[in-house]
Amino acid sequence: MSTTKVKAGQLWGKNKDDLKKQLVDLKTELAQLRTQKIAGGANSKLTKMYVSVEIYTQVSACEGFQVIQAVLPLWIRGRRKQANQYLPSYSHDLRKSIARVLTVINATQRSQLRILYKNKKYLPLDLRPKKTRAMRRRLTKHEATLVSEKQKKRQMHFPQRKYAVKVRSAFIFFMEERSGIVRSKGCG
């Protein structure tokens, strides 16, 4: 049985078989701890389930002082179950280790699939970018710029007309309208 936390950095170099084996070991260890907890095994068996107060008091004062203050009176009075709820459980570390192993397995599997499907026309759905539903249904840049033959001819024969507008007179007319000045019809 392993008593240390599994670190993700150590897992990346391992192959899939080693990871699967480690996962099975961690799961069996967790199952054993849970059965011991239910069966109410001896304190020596349950020392793995809960970190003992003696070890926990050696933790630096700034890290767990309040927890220690809450735990020690209960532990001294013999209320170990109440005291243990304040202490970090070993089963928590086991569950997190299992999660780390599963994460590494999943990530390596996905990266290998990405390499496999790199130059293929279609990707599996879970490897495609998620985005939003509307964005996934939007036309691609290429599709949006395509012009039909009929539209090309129409644009060539009837191009957009360009009008020259005398800007100064239009601007003055606009400003006069805004200010309420009305010119006589003879002025030009």
N, C-alpha and C. Protein backbone atom coordinates (compact mmCIF):
# COMPACT_ATOMS: atom_id res chain seq x y z
N MET A 1 0.84 -1.19 0.00
CA MET A 1 0.00 0.00 0.00
C MET A 1 0.87 1.24 0.00
N SER A 2 0.52 2.20 -0.85
CA SER A 2 1.28 3.44 -0.91
C SER A 2 0.68 4.44 0.06
N THR A 3 1.54 5.19 0.74
CA THR A 3 1.04 6.16 1.71
C THR A 3 1.29 7.59 1.25
N THR A 4 1.97 7.77 0.14
CA THR A 4 2.26 9.12 -0.34
C THR A 4 1.28 9.52 -1.43
N LYS A 5 1.14 10.84 -1.58
CA LYS A 5 0.27 11.35 -2.64
C LYS A 5 0.92 11.10 -3.99
N VAL A 6 0.11 10.86 -5.00
CA VAL A 6 0.61 10.70 -6.36
C VAL A 6 0.72 12.08 -6.98
N LYS A 7 1.88 12.39 -7.54
CA LYS A 7 2.07 13.70 -8.18
C LYS A 7 1.96 13.53 -9.69
N ALA A 8 1.26 14.47 -10.32
CA ALA A 8 1.01 14.37 -11.76
C ALA A 8 2.30 14.40 -12.57
N GLY A 9 3.30 15.11 -12.10
CA GLY A 9 4.58 15.20 -12.81
C GLY A 9 5.25 13.84 -12.99
N GLN A 10 5.06 12.96 -12.01
CA GLN A 10 5.65 11.62 -12.09
C GLN A 10 4.90 10.73 -13.07
N LEU A 11 3.63 11.05 -13.32
CA LEU A 11 2.78 10.18 -14.14
C LEU A 11 2.97 10.37 -15.64
N TRP A 12 3.38 11.58 -16.07
CA TRP A 12 3.41 11.88 -17.51
C TRP A 12 4.35 10.96 -18.29
N GLY A 13 5.45 10.55 -17.68
CA GLY A 13 6.41 9.71 -18.40
C GLY A 13 6.00 8.25 -18.53
N LYS A 14 5.05 7.81 -17.73
CA LYS A 14 4.68 6.38 -17.71
C LYS A 14 3.81 6.00 -18.91
N ASN A 15 3.88 4.71 -19.27
CA ASN A 15 3.01 4.24 -20.37
C ASN A 15 1.65 3.85 -19.82
N LYS A 16 0.74 3.52 -20.73
CA LYS A 16 -0.66 3.29 -20.37
C LYS A 16 -0.82 2.09 -19.42
N ASP A 17 -0.06 1.03 -19.65
CA ASP A 17 -0.17 -0.18 -18.82
C ASP A 17 0.21 0.11 -17.36
N ASP A 18 1.30 0.87 -17.17
CA ASP A 18 1.73 1.23 -15.81
C ASP A 18 0.66 2.07 -15.11
N LEU A 19 0.11 3.01 -15.87
CA LEU A 19 -0.93 3.89 -15.31
C LEU A 19 -2.17 3.08 -14.90
N LYS A 20 -2.56 2.13 -15.78
CA LYS A 20 -3.73 1.29 -15.47
C LYS A 20 -3.48 0.46 -14.20
N LYS A 21 -2.26 -0.06 -14.10
CA LYS A 21 -1.91 -0.87 -12.94
C LYS A 21 -1.95 -0.02 -11.66
N GLN A 22 -1.41 1.18 -11.75
CA GLN A 22 -1.41 2.08 -10.59
C GLN A 22 -2.84 2.46 -10.20
N LEU A 23 -3.68 2.65 -11.21
CA LEU A 23 -5.08 3.00 -10.97
C LEU A 23 -5.80 1.87 -10.23
N VAL A 24 -5.57 0.64 -10.66
CA VAL A 24 -6.19 -0.52 -10.01
C VAL A 24 -5.72 -0.61 -8.56
N ASP A 25 -4.41 -0.40 -8.33
CA ASP A 25 -3.86 -0.45 -6.97
C ASP A 25 -4.52 0.60 -6.07
N LEU A 26 -4.62 1.81 -6.57
CA LEU A 26 -5.22 2.90 -5.79
C LEU A 26 -6.68 2.61 -5.48
N LYS A 27 -7.40 2.07 -6.45
CA LYS A 27 -8.83 1.77 -6.24
C LYS A 27 -9.02 0.67 -5.21
N THR A 28 -8.19 -0.36 -5.27
CA THR A 28 -8.30 -1.44 -4.28
C THR A 28 -7.96 -0.94 -2.89
N GLU A 29 -6.94 -0.07 -2.81
CA GLU A 29 -6.56 0.51 -1.52
C GLU A 29 -7.71 1.34 -0.93
N LEU A 30 -8.36 2.12 -1.78
CA LEU A 30 -9.49 2.94 -1.32
C LEU A 30 -10.65 2.05 -0.86
N ALA A 31 -10.90 0.98 -1.60
CA ALA A 31 -11.98 0.05 -1.23
C ALA A 31 -11.69 -0.59 0.14
N GLN A 32 -10.43 -0.97 0.36
CA GLN A 32 -10.04 -1.58 1.64
C GLN A 32 -10.24 -0.58 2.78
N LEU A 33 -9.83 0.65 2.56
CA LEU A 33 -10.00 1.67 3.60
C LEU A 33 -11.46 1.89 3.94
N ARG A 34 -12.30 1.90 2.92
CA ARG A 34 -13.73 2.11 3.15
C ARG A 34 -14.35 0.95 3.92
N THR A 35 -13.94 -0.26 3.59
CA THR A 35 -14.49 -1.42 4.31
C THR A 35 -14.01 -1.41 5.77
N GLN A 36 -12.74 -1.00 5.99
CA GLN A 36 -12.23 -0.92 7.36
C GLN A 36 -13.01 0.12 8.17
N LYS A 37 -13.34 1.22 7.50
CA LYS A 37 -14.06 2.29 8.18
C LYS A 37 -15.46 1.81 8.58
N ILE A 38 -16.13 1.10 7.68
CA ILE A 38 -17.48 0.59 7.95
C ILE A 38 -17.43 -0.49 9.02
N ALA A 39 -16.46 -1.40 8.91
CA ALA A 39 -16.35 -2.51 9.85
C ALA A 39 -15.90 -2.04 11.23
N GLY A 40 -15.41 -0.81 11.30
CA GLY A 40 -14.93 -0.29 12.60
C GLY A 40 -13.70 -1.03 13.05
N GLY A 41 -12.72 -1.10 12.14
CA GLY A 41 -11.49 -1.82 12.43
C GLY A 41 -10.71 -1.19 13.57
N ALA A 42 -9.65 -1.87 13.97
CA ALA A 42 -8.83 -1.39 15.07
C ALA A 42 -8.19 -0.05 14.71
N ASN A 43 -7.80 0.70 15.75
CA ASN A 43 -7.21 2.01 15.52
C ASN A 43 -5.94 1.92 14.68
N SER A 44 -5.20 0.82 14.82
CA SER A 44 -3.97 0.67 14.04
C SER A 44 -4.28 0.60 12.55
N LYS A 45 -5.42 -0.02 12.21
CA LYS A 45 -5.82 -0.10 10.80
C LYS A 45 -6.29 1.25 10.30
N LEU A 46 -6.95 1.99 11.18
CA LEU A 46 -7.54 3.25 10.76
C LEU A 46 -6.57 4.43 10.83
N THR A 47 -5.33 4.18 11.21
CA THR A 47 -4.38 5.29 11.25
C THR A 47 -4.13 5.84 9.85
N LYS A 48 -4.31 5.00 8.84
CA LYS A 48 -4.17 5.47 7.47
C LYS A 48 -5.36 6.33 7.08
N MET A 49 -6.53 6.00 7.60
CA MET A 49 -7.73 6.74 7.25
C MET A 49 -7.65 8.17 7.76
N TYR A 50 -7.18 8.34 8.97
CA TYR A 50 -7.09 9.67 9.54
C TYR A 50 -5.67 9.93 10.02
N VAL A 51 -5.15 11.08 9.73
CA VAL A 51 -3.81 11.46 10.19
C VAL A 51 -3.88 11.62 11.70
N SER A 52 -2.94 11.03 12.41
CA SER A 52 -3.00 11.11 13.87
C SER A 52 -2.67 12.53 14.34
N VAL A 53 -3.17 12.86 15.52
CA VAL A 53 -3.01 14.21 16.06
C VAL A 53 -1.55 14.52 16.30
N GLU A 54 -0.78 13.53 16.76
CA GLU A 54 0.63 13.76 17.06
C GLU A 54 1.36 14.26 15.81
N ILE A 55 1.11 13.61 14.67
CA ILE A 55 1.73 14.02 13.40
C ILE A 55 1.20 15.39 13.00
N TYR A 56 -0.10 15.58 13.19
CA TYR A 56 -0.74 16.82 12.73
C TYR A 56 -0.27 18.02 13.55
N THR A 57 0.07 17.80 14.83
CA THR A 57 0.54 18.91 15.66
C THR A 57 1.93 19.36 15.25
N GLN A 58 2.67 18.51 14.55
CA GLN A 58 4.00 18.89 14.09
C GLN A 58 3.95 19.83 12.88
N VAL A 59 2.77 19.97 12.29
CA VAL A 59 2.61 20.90 11.17
C VAL A 59 2.82 22.31 11.70
N SER A 60 3.36 23.18 10.85
CA SER A 60 3.68 24.54 11.30
C SER A 60 2.45 25.23 11.88
N ALA A 61 2.67 26.06 12.87
CA ALA A 61 1.58 26.69 13.63
C ALA A 61 0.67 27.53 12.74
N CYS A 62 1.24 28.22 11.76
CA CYS A 62 0.43 29.10 10.92
C CYS A 62 -0.52 28.30 10.03
N GLU A 63 -0.14 27.06 9.70
CA GLU A 63 -0.93 26.27 8.76
C GLU A 63 -2.18 25.67 9.39
N GLY A 64 -2.05 25.12 10.59
CA GLY A 64 -3.20 24.41 11.14
C GLY A 64 -3.47 24.66 12.60
N PHE A 65 -3.13 25.83 13.09
CA PHE A 65 -3.26 26.11 14.52
C PHE A 65 -4.71 26.03 15.00
N GLN A 66 -5.63 26.63 14.23
CA GLN A 66 -7.03 26.64 14.65
C GLN A 66 -7.61 25.23 14.66
N VAL A 67 -7.23 24.42 13.68
CA VAL A 67 -7.71 23.04 13.62
C VAL A 67 -7.20 22.27 14.83
N ILE A 68 -5.93 22.47 15.17
CA ILE A 68 -5.34 21.77 16.31
C ILE A 68 -6.06 22.16 17.60
N GLN A 69 -6.38 23.44 17.75
CA GLN A 69 -7.10 23.90 18.94
C GLN A 69 -8.46 23.21 19.05
N ALA A 70 -9.11 22.97 17.91
CA ALA A 70 -10.42 22.32 17.91
C ALA A 70 -10.30 20.82 18.17
N VAL A 71 -9.23 20.21 17.68
CA VAL A 71 -9.09 18.75 17.74
C VAL A 71 -8.59 18.26 19.09
N LEU A 72 -7.58 18.90 19.64
CA LEU A 72 -6.93 18.38 20.84
C LEU A 72 -7.88 18.14 22.02
N PRO A 73 -8.76 19.10 22.37
CA PRO A 73 -9.66 18.83 23.50
C PRO A 73 -10.55 17.61 23.25
N LEU A 74 -11.03 17.46 22.02
CA LEU A 74 -11.89 16.31 21.69
C LEU A 74 -11.10 15.01 21.76
N TRP A 75 -9.86 15.05 21.27
CA TRP A 75 -9.02 13.85 21.23
C TRP A 75 -8.69 13.41 22.66
N ILE A 76 -8.39 14.38 23.52
CA ILE A 76 -8.03 14.07 24.91
C ILE A 76 -9.23 13.48 25.65
N ARG A 77 -10.42 14.00 25.38
CA ARG A 77 -11.63 13.51 26.05
C ARG A 77 -12.09 12.15 25.51
N GLY A 78 -11.42 11.64 24.48
CA GLY A 78 -11.77 10.34 23.93
C GLY A 78 -12.82 10.38 22.84
N ARG A 79 -13.14 11.56 22.35
CA ARG A 79 -14.11 11.67 21.26
C ARG A 79 -13.37 11.71 19.92
N ARG A 80 -12.81 10.57 19.58
CA ARG A 80 -11.96 10.51 18.40
C ARG A 80 -12.73 10.75 17.10
N LYS A 81 -13.96 10.24 17.03
CA LYS A 81 -14.75 10.42 15.80
C LYS A 81 -15.00 11.89 15.54
N GLN A 82 -15.34 12.65 16.58
CA GLN A 82 -15.56 14.08 16.41
C GLN A 82 -14.25 14.78 16.04
N ALA A 83 -13.16 14.34 16.65
CA ALA A 83 -11.86 14.95 16.37
C ALA A 83 -11.43 14.68 14.94
N ASN A 84 -11.70 13.47 14.47
CA ASN A 84 -11.25 13.08 13.14
C ASN A 84 -11.90 13.87 12.02
N GLN A 85 -13.09 14.40 12.26
CA GLN A 85 -13.74 15.17 11.19
C GLN A 85 -12.99 16.46 10.89
N TYR A 86 -12.18 16.94 11.85
CA TYR A 86 -11.38 18.15 11.62
C TYR A 86 -10.08 17.85 10.89
N LEU A 87 -9.65 16.59 10.95
CA LEU A 87 -8.36 16.22 10.38
C LEU A 87 -8.49 15.83 8.91
N PRO A 88 -7.44 16.08 8.13
CA PRO A 88 -7.50 15.68 6.72
C PRO A 88 -7.49 14.17 6.60
N SER A 89 -8.35 13.62 5.76
CA SER A 89 -8.44 12.16 5.68
C SER A 89 -7.53 11.62 4.58
N TYR A 90 -7.06 10.41 4.80
CA TYR A 90 -6.20 9.75 3.84
C TYR A 90 -7.01 9.32 2.62
N SER A 91 -8.30 9.00 2.83
CA SER A 91 -9.14 8.59 1.70
C SER A 91 -9.30 9.75 0.71
N HIS A 92 -9.28 10.99 1.21
CA HIS A 92 -9.35 12.17 0.34
C HIS A 92 -8.14 12.19 -0.60
N ASP A 93 -6.94 11.95 -0.03
CA ASP A 93 -5.72 11.92 -0.85
C ASP A 93 -5.79 10.80 -1.89
N LEU A 94 -6.34 9.67 -1.48
CA LEU A 94 -6.46 8.54 -2.41
C LEU A 94 -7.37 8.88 -3.57
N ARG A 95 -8.52 9.50 -3.25
CA ARG A 95 -9.45 9.87 -4.32
C ARG A 95 -8.83 10.86 -5.29
N LYS A 96 -8.09 11.82 -4.74
CA LYS A 96 -7.43 12.81 -5.60
C LYS A 96 -6.34 12.17 -6.44
N SER A 97 -5.64 11.19 -5.89
CA SER A 97 -4.61 10.48 -6.65
C SER A 97 -5.23 9.70 -7.80
N ILE A 98 -6.36 9.07 -7.54
CA ILE A 98 -7.09 8.34 -8.59
C ILE A 98 -7.49 9.31 -9.70
N ALA A 99 -7.97 10.47 -9.30
CA ALA A 99 -8.38 11.49 -10.28
C ALA A 99 -7.20 11.94 -11.13
N ARG A 100 -6.03 12.10 -10.49
CA ARG A 100 -4.83 12.52 -11.24
C ARG A 100 -4.43 11.48 -12.27
N VAL A 101 -4.45 10.20 -11.87
CA VAL A 101 -4.08 9.12 -12.78
C VAL A 101 -5.05 9.09 -13.97
N LEU A 102 -6.34 9.20 -13.68
CA LEU A 102 -7.35 9.20 -14.75
C LEU A 102 -7.17 10.39 -15.69
N THR A 103 -6.83 11.54 -15.13
CA THR A 103 -6.61 12.74 -15.94
C THR A 103 -5.45 12.55 -16.89
N VAL A 104 -4.36 11.98 -16.38
CA VAL A 104 -3.17 11.76 -17.22
C VAL A 104 -3.49 10.75 -18.32
N ILE A 105 -4.20 9.68 -17.98
CA ILE A 105 -4.58 8.67 -18.99
C ILE A 105 -5.42 9.32 -20.09
N ASN A 106 -6.41 10.10 -19.68
CA ASN A 106 -7.31 10.76 -20.63
C ASN A 106 -6.56 11.74 -21.52
N ALA A 107 -5.68 12.55 -20.91
CA ALA A 107 -4.95 13.56 -21.67
C ALA A 107 -4.00 12.94 -22.70
N THR A 108 -3.31 11.86 -22.31
CA THR A 108 -2.38 11.21 -23.25
C THR A 108 -3.16 10.55 -24.39
N GLN A 109 -4.28 9.95 -24.05
CA GLN A 109 -5.12 9.32 -25.07
C GLN A 109 -5.61 10.35 -26.09
N ARG A 110 -6.07 11.51 -25.60
CA ARG A 110 -6.56 12.56 -26.48
C ARG A 110 -5.45 13.13 -27.36
N SER A 111 -4.25 13.30 -26.79
CA SER A 111 -3.14 13.84 -27.58
C SER A 111 -2.74 12.87 -28.69
N GLN A 112 -2.78 11.55 -28.40
CA GLN A 112 -2.47 10.56 -29.42
C GLN A 112 -3.54 10.56 -30.53
N LEU A 113 -4.80 10.73 -30.13
CA LEU A 113 -5.89 10.80 -31.11
C LEU A 113 -5.75 12.04 -32.00
N ARG A 114 -5.33 13.16 -31.39
CA ARG A 114 -5.12 14.39 -32.19
C ARG A 114 -4.06 14.17 -33.24
N ILE A 115 -2.98 13.47 -32.88
CA ILE A 115 -1.91 13.16 -33.84
C ILE A 115 -2.45 12.26 -34.95
N LEU A 116 -3.26 11.27 -34.58
CA LEU A 116 -3.81 10.33 -35.55
C LEU A 116 -4.72 11.01 -36.57
N TYR A 117 -5.55 11.95 -36.08
CA TYR A 117 -6.54 12.61 -36.96
C TYR A 117 -6.05 13.93 -37.53
N LYS A 118 -4.74 14.21 -37.43
CA LYS A 118 -4.23 15.53 -37.79
C LYS A 118 -4.58 15.96 -39.21
N ASN A 119 -4.35 15.14 -40.21
CA ASN A 119 -4.58 15.53 -41.61
C ASN A 119 -5.83 14.89 -42.22
N LYS A 120 -6.70 14.37 -41.37
CA LYS A 120 -7.94 13.76 -41.86
C LYS A 120 -8.99 14.84 -42.13
N LYS A 121 -9.98 14.50 -42.95
CA LYS A 121 -11.03 15.47 -43.28
C LYS A 121 -11.94 15.72 -42.09
N TYR A 122 -12.29 14.67 -41.35
CA TYR A 122 -13.21 14.81 -40.23
C TYR A 122 -12.51 14.45 -38.91
N LEU A 123 -12.88 15.16 -37.86
CA LEU A 123 -12.39 14.89 -36.50
C LEU A 123 -13.51 14.27 -35.68
N PRO A 124 -13.19 13.46 -34.68
CA PRO A 124 -14.24 13.02 -33.75
C PRO A 124 -14.84 14.23 -33.04
N LEU A 125 -16.10 14.14 -32.66
CA LEU A 125 -16.81 15.29 -32.08
C LEU A 125 -16.12 15.86 -30.85
N ASP A 126 -15.59 14.99 -29.98
CA ASP A 126 -14.98 15.49 -28.75
C ASP A 126 -13.63 16.16 -28.97
N LEU A 127 -13.04 16.00 -30.16
CA LEU A 127 -11.77 16.67 -30.46
C LEU A 127 -11.98 17.98 -31.22
N ARG A 128 -13.19 18.21 -31.69
CA ARG A 128 -13.47 19.47 -32.40
C ARG A 128 -13.59 20.61 -31.41
N PRO A 129 -13.31 21.85 -31.87
CA PRO A 129 -13.47 22.98 -30.95
C PRO A 129 -14.94 23.16 -30.57
N LYS A 130 -15.21 23.42 -29.28
CA LYS A 130 -16.58 23.45 -28.79
C LYS A 130 -17.31 24.71 -29.25
N LYS A 131 -16.72 25.89 -28.99
CA LYS A 131 -17.32 27.18 -29.35
C LYS A 131 -18.77 27.26 -28.86
N THR A 132 -19.67 27.79 -29.70
CA THR A 132 -21.10 27.78 -29.36
C THR A 132 -21.83 27.14 -30.52
N ARG A 133 -23.09 26.82 -30.31
CA ARG A 133 -23.87 26.13 -31.34
C ARG A 133 -23.96 26.99 -32.60
N ALA A 134 -24.22 28.30 -32.42
CA ALA A 134 -24.35 29.21 -33.56
C ALA A 134 -23.03 29.33 -34.32
N MET A 135 -21.93 29.40 -33.58
CA MET A 135 -20.61 29.53 -34.23
C MET A 135 -20.25 28.27 -35.02
N ARG A 136 -20.66 27.11 -34.51
CA ARG A 136 -20.36 25.86 -35.23
C ARG A 136 -21.15 25.76 -36.53
N ARG A 137 -22.35 26.38 -36.57
CA ARG A 137 -23.19 26.30 -37.76
C ARG A 137 -22.92 27.42 -38.77
N ARG A 138 -22.11 28.39 -38.36
CA ARG A 138 -21.80 29.53 -39.22
C ARG A 138 -21.00 29.07 -40.45
N LEU A 139 -21.15 29.82 -41.57
CA LEU A 139 -20.37 29.51 -42.77
C LEU A 139 -18.89 29.75 -42.50
N THR A 140 -18.06 28.96 -43.17
CA THR A 140 -16.63 29.20 -43.05
C THR A 140 -16.27 30.44 -43.86
N LYS A 141 -15.06 30.97 -43.72
CA LYS A 141 -14.64 32.16 -44.47
C LYS A 141 -14.72 31.88 -45.97
N HIS A 142 -14.27 30.71 -46.36
CA HIS A 142 -14.27 30.34 -47.78
C HIS A 142 -15.70 30.29 -48.33
N GLU A 143 -16.59 29.65 -47.58
CA GLU A 143 -17.99 29.53 -48.02
C GLU A 143 -18.66 30.90 -48.10
N ALA A 144 -18.33 31.80 -47.18
CA ALA A 144 -18.95 33.12 -47.15
C ALA A 144 -18.51 33.99 -48.33
N THR A 145 -17.30 33.78 -48.82
CA THR A 145 -16.78 34.61 -49.92
C THR A 145 -17.13 34.06 -51.31
N LEU A 146 -17.65 32.85 -51.38
CA LEU A 146 -18.01 32.28 -52.69
C LEU A 146 -19.11 33.10 -53.37
N VAL A 147 -18.97 33.30 -54.70
CA VAL A 147 -19.97 34.06 -55.48
C VAL A 147 -20.39 33.18 -56.66
N SER A 148 -21.71 33.10 -56.88
CA SER A 148 -22.20 32.27 -57.98
C SER A 148 -21.88 32.93 -59.33
N GLU A 149 -21.95 32.14 -60.40
CA GLU A 149 -21.65 32.64 -61.75
C GLU A 149 -22.61 33.77 -62.13
N LYS A 150 -23.88 33.60 -61.81
CA LYS A 150 -24.90 34.60 -62.13
C LYS A 150 -24.61 35.92 -61.40
N GLN A 151 -24.22 35.81 -60.13
CA GLN A 151 -23.91 37.01 -59.35
C GLN A 151 -22.66 37.71 -59.89
N LYS A 152 -21.68 36.92 -60.35
CA LYS A 152 -20.46 37.51 -60.94
C LYS A 152 -20.81 38.34 -62.16
N LYS A 153 -21.66 37.77 -63.03
CA LYS A 153 -22.07 38.49 -64.25
C LYS A 153 -22.84 39.76 -63.91
N ARG A 154 -23.73 39.66 -62.91
CA ARG A 154 -24.53 40.81 -62.52
C ARG A 154 -23.63 41.92 -61.98
N GLN A 155 -22.63 41.57 -61.19
CA GLN A 155 -21.72 42.58 -60.64
C GLN A 155 -20.85 43.20 -61.74
N MET A 156 -20.50 42.39 -62.74
CA MET A 156 -19.66 42.90 -63.83
C MET A 156 -20.45 43.85 -64.74
N HIS A 157 -21.68 43.48 -65.09
CA HIS A 157 -22.47 44.29 -66.02
C HIS A 157 -23.17 45.47 -65.34
N PHE A 158 -23.53 45.33 -64.09
CA PHE A 158 -24.20 46.42 -63.36
C PHE A 158 -23.44 46.72 -62.06
N PRO A 159 -22.29 47.36 -62.19
CA PRO A 159 -21.50 47.64 -60.98
C PRO A 159 -22.19 48.69 -60.11
N GLN A 160 -21.72 48.79 -58.88
CA GLN A 160 -22.26 49.78 -57.94
C GLN A 160 -22.01 51.18 -58.49
N ARG A 161 -23.04 51.98 -58.55
CA ARG A 161 -22.88 53.34 -59.09
C ARG A 161 -22.22 54.23 -58.07
N LYS A 162 -21.39 55.15 -58.60
CA LYS A 162 -20.70 56.08 -57.72
C LYS A 162 -21.23 57.47 -57.97
N TYR A 163 -21.63 58.14 -56.92
CA TYR A 163 -22.17 59.49 -57.02
C TYR A 163 -21.19 60.47 -56.38
N ALA A 164 -20.96 61.62 -57.10
CA ALA A 164 -20.13 62.68 -56.54
C ALA A 164 -21.04 63.66 -55.84
N VAL A 165 -20.81 63.90 -54.59
CA VAL A 165 -21.63 64.81 -53.80
C VAL A 165 -20.75 65.98 -53.40
N LYS A 166 -21.30 67.17 -53.57
CA LYS A 166 -20.57 68.36 -53.18
C LYS A 166 -20.69 68.45 -51.66
N VAL A 167 -19.64 68.12 -50.97
CA VAL A 167 -19.69 67.96 -49.53
C VAL A 167 -19.94 69.28 -48.83
N ARG A 168 -19.29 70.33 -49.26
CA ARG A 168 -19.38 71.60 -48.55
C ARG A 168 -20.81 72.11 -48.49
N SER A 169 -21.48 72.14 -49.65
CA SER A 169 -22.84 72.68 -49.68
C SER A 169 -23.81 71.80 -48.89
N ALA A 170 -23.62 70.49 -48.96
CA ALA A 170 -24.48 69.58 -48.21
C ALA A 170 -24.28 69.77 -46.72
N PHE A 171 -23.04 69.97 -46.29
CA PHE A 171 -22.73 70.15 -44.87
C PHE A 171 -23.33 71.46 -44.35
N ILE A 172 -23.19 72.54 -45.17
CA ILE A 172 -23.73 73.84 -44.76
C ILE A 172 -25.25 73.76 -44.65
N PHE A 173 -25.90 73.08 -45.60
CA PHE A 173 -27.35 72.92 -45.57
C PHE A 173 -27.79 72.17 -44.31
N PHE A 174 -27.03 71.15 -43.96
CA PHE A 174 -27.34 70.34 -42.77
C PHE A 174 -27.21 71.18 -41.50
N MET A 175 -26.13 71.98 -41.42
CA MET A 175 -25.90 72.81 -40.25
C MET A 175 -26.97 73.90 -40.12
N GLU A 176 -27.39 74.44 -41.26
CA GLU A 176 -28.43 75.47 -41.22
C GLU A 176 -29.76 74.89 -40.75
N GLU A 177 -30.05 73.68 -41.19
CA GLU A 177 -31.28 73.03 -40.75
C GLU A 177 -31.27 72.80 -39.24
N ARG A 178 -30.14 72.40 -38.73
CA ARG A 178 -30.02 72.14 -37.29
C ARG A 178 -30.17 73.41 -36.47
N SER A 179 -29.59 74.50 -36.96
CA SER A 179 -29.62 75.74 -36.18
C SER A 179 -30.93 76.51 -36.36
N GLY A 180 -31.75 76.11 -37.36
CA GLY A 180 -33.03 76.77 -37.57
C GLY A 180 -32.98 77.96 -38.51
N ILE A 181 -31.82 78.21 -39.16
CA ILE A 181 -31.70 79.32 -40.11
C ILE A 181 -32.35 78.90 -41.42
N VAL A 182 -33.25 79.77 -41.92
CA VAL A 182 -33.95 79.48 -43.18
C VAL A 182 -33.47 80.49 -44.21
N ARG A 183 -32.92 80.00 -45.32
CA ARG A 183 -32.47 80.90 -46.40
C ARG A 183 -33.61 81.20 -47.33
N SER A 184 -33.52 82.33 -47.97
CA SER A 184 -34.53 82.67 -48.98
C SER A 184 -34.26 81.88 -50.23
N LYS A 185 -35.24 81.65 -51.06
CA LYS A 185 -35.11 80.79 -52.22
C LYS A 185 -34.16 81.37 -53.27
N GLY A 186 -33.93 82.64 -53.29
CA GLY A 186 -33.09 83.26 -54.30
C GLY A 186 -31.61 83.03 -54.07
N CYS A 187 -31.18 82.80 -52.84
CA CYS A 187 -29.76 82.63 -52.53
C CYS A 187 -29.32 81.23 -52.95
N GLY A 188 -28.09 81.18 -53.33
CA GLY A 188 -27.72 79.89 -53.78
C GLY A 188 -26.48 79.34 -53.41
